[in-house]
């Protein structure tokens, strides 16, 4: 299984969360596509909501220990919050 960096996932969530880039990075293609499409198809109005979700998830990734991050988001594939 490929090692995923919690720092990279967290920073992607914080800075590019409205586009779902952090979801794609973690291998959650369906969830990343949902976030991307909501942002694009609402002409940017949904991007603010998706951005807040990305910010929250990015902070959650960064505040977890390496072991918790690995178990929760890589091994167990918890896709939302």
Protein backbone atom coordinates (compact mmCIF):
# COMPACT_ATOMS: atom_id res chain seq x y z
CA UNK A 1 0.00 0.00 0.00
CA UNK A 2 1.30 3.43 -0.95
CA UNK A 3 2.31 5.74 1.90
CA UNK A 4 0.31 8.98 2.01
CA UNK A 5 1.65 12.10 3.70
CA UNK A 6 -0.73 13.69 6.21
CA UNK A 7 1.06 17.02 5.71
CA UNK A 8 0.50 16.94 1.96
CA UNK A 9 -3.14 15.88 2.39
CA UNK A 10 -3.72 18.55 5.03
CA UNK A 11 -2.19 21.36 2.99
CA UNK A 12 -4.08 20.29 -0.13
CA UNK A 13 -7.29 20.29 1.91
CA UNK A 14 -6.62 23.75 3.30
CA UNK A 15 -5.51 25.44 0.09
CA UNK A 16 -7.31 23.47 -2.67
CA UNK A 17 -10.13 21.89 -0.68
CA UNK A 18 -12.89 23.47 -2.73
CA UNK A 19 -11.69 21.44 -5.72
CA UNK A 20 -11.41 18.18 -3.78
CA UNK A 21 -7.72 17.77 -4.60
CA UNK A 22 -7.00 16.30 -1.14
CA UNK A 23 -9.62 13.60 -1.82
CA UNK A 24 -7.97 12.67 -5.11
CA UNK A 25 -4.58 12.57 -3.34
CA UNK A 26 -5.92 10.08 -0.78
CA UNK A 27 -7.45 7.94 -3.54
CA UNK A 28 -11.10 8.90 -2.96
CA UNK A 29 -12.00 9.50 -6.59
CA UNK A 30 -15.80 9.58 -6.17
CA UNK A 31 -15.67 12.06 -3.26
CA UNK A 32 -13.10 14.24 -5.05
CA UNK A 33 -15.26 14.31 -8.16
CA UNK A 34 -18.32 15.29 -6.07
CA UNK A 35 -16.44 18.22 -4.52
CA UNK A 36 -15.03 19.32 -7.88
CA UNK A 37 -18.38 19.15 -9.66
CA UNK A 38 -20.25 20.99 -6.89
CA UNK A 39 -17.67 23.77 -7.09
CA UNK A 40 -17.77 24.00 -10.87
CA UNK A 41 -21.45 23.36 -11.63
CA UNK A 42 -22.70 25.95 -9.15
CA UNK A 43 -20.60 28.64 -10.86
CA UNK A 44 -18.47 28.95 -7.75
CA UNK A 45 -21.26 29.33 -5.18
CA UNK A 46 -20.78 25.78 -3.94
CA UNK A 47 -17.03 26.31 -3.83
CA UNK A 48 -17.33 28.27 -0.60
CA UNK A 49 -19.07 25.33 1.10
CA UNK A 50 -16.60 22.85 -0.38
CA UNK A 51 -13.75 25.14 0.68
CA UNK A 52 -14.97 25.10 4.28
CA UNK A 53 -15.23 21.31 4.17
CA UNK A 54 -11.70 21.13 2.74
CA UNK A 55 -10.40 23.49 5.42
CA UNK A 56 -11.95 21.44 8.22
CA UNK A 57 -10.67 18.17 6.77
CA UNK A 58 -7.19 19.64 6.20
CA UNK A 59 -6.98 20.75 9.82
CA UNK A 60 -8.24 17.34 10.97
CA UNK A 61 -5.55 15.60 8.91
CA UNK A 62 -2.80 17.79 10.34
CA UNK A 63 -3.89 17.43 13.98
CA UNK A 64 -4.05 13.63 13.94
CA UNK A 65 -1.03 11.58 14.87
CA UNK A 66 0.70 9.78 12.02
CA UNK A 67 -0.70 6.45 13.21
CA UNK A 68 -4.27 7.77 13.53
CA UNK A 69 -4.09 9.38 10.08
CA UNK A 70 -2.77 6.18 8.52
CA UNK A 71 -5.37 3.97 10.22
CA UNK A 72 -8.33 6.26 9.63
CA UNK A 73 -7.81 7.65 6.13
CA UNK A 74 -5.50 5.17 4.42
CA UNK A 75 -6.36 1.79 5.93
CA UNK A 76 -10.04 2.24 6.86
CA UNK A 77 -10.78 4.62 3.95
CA UNK A 78 -12.92 7.06 5.99
CA UNK A 79 -13.93 9.44 3.22
CA UNK A 80 -15.76 12.33 4.95
CA UNK A 81 -14.69 14.14 8.13
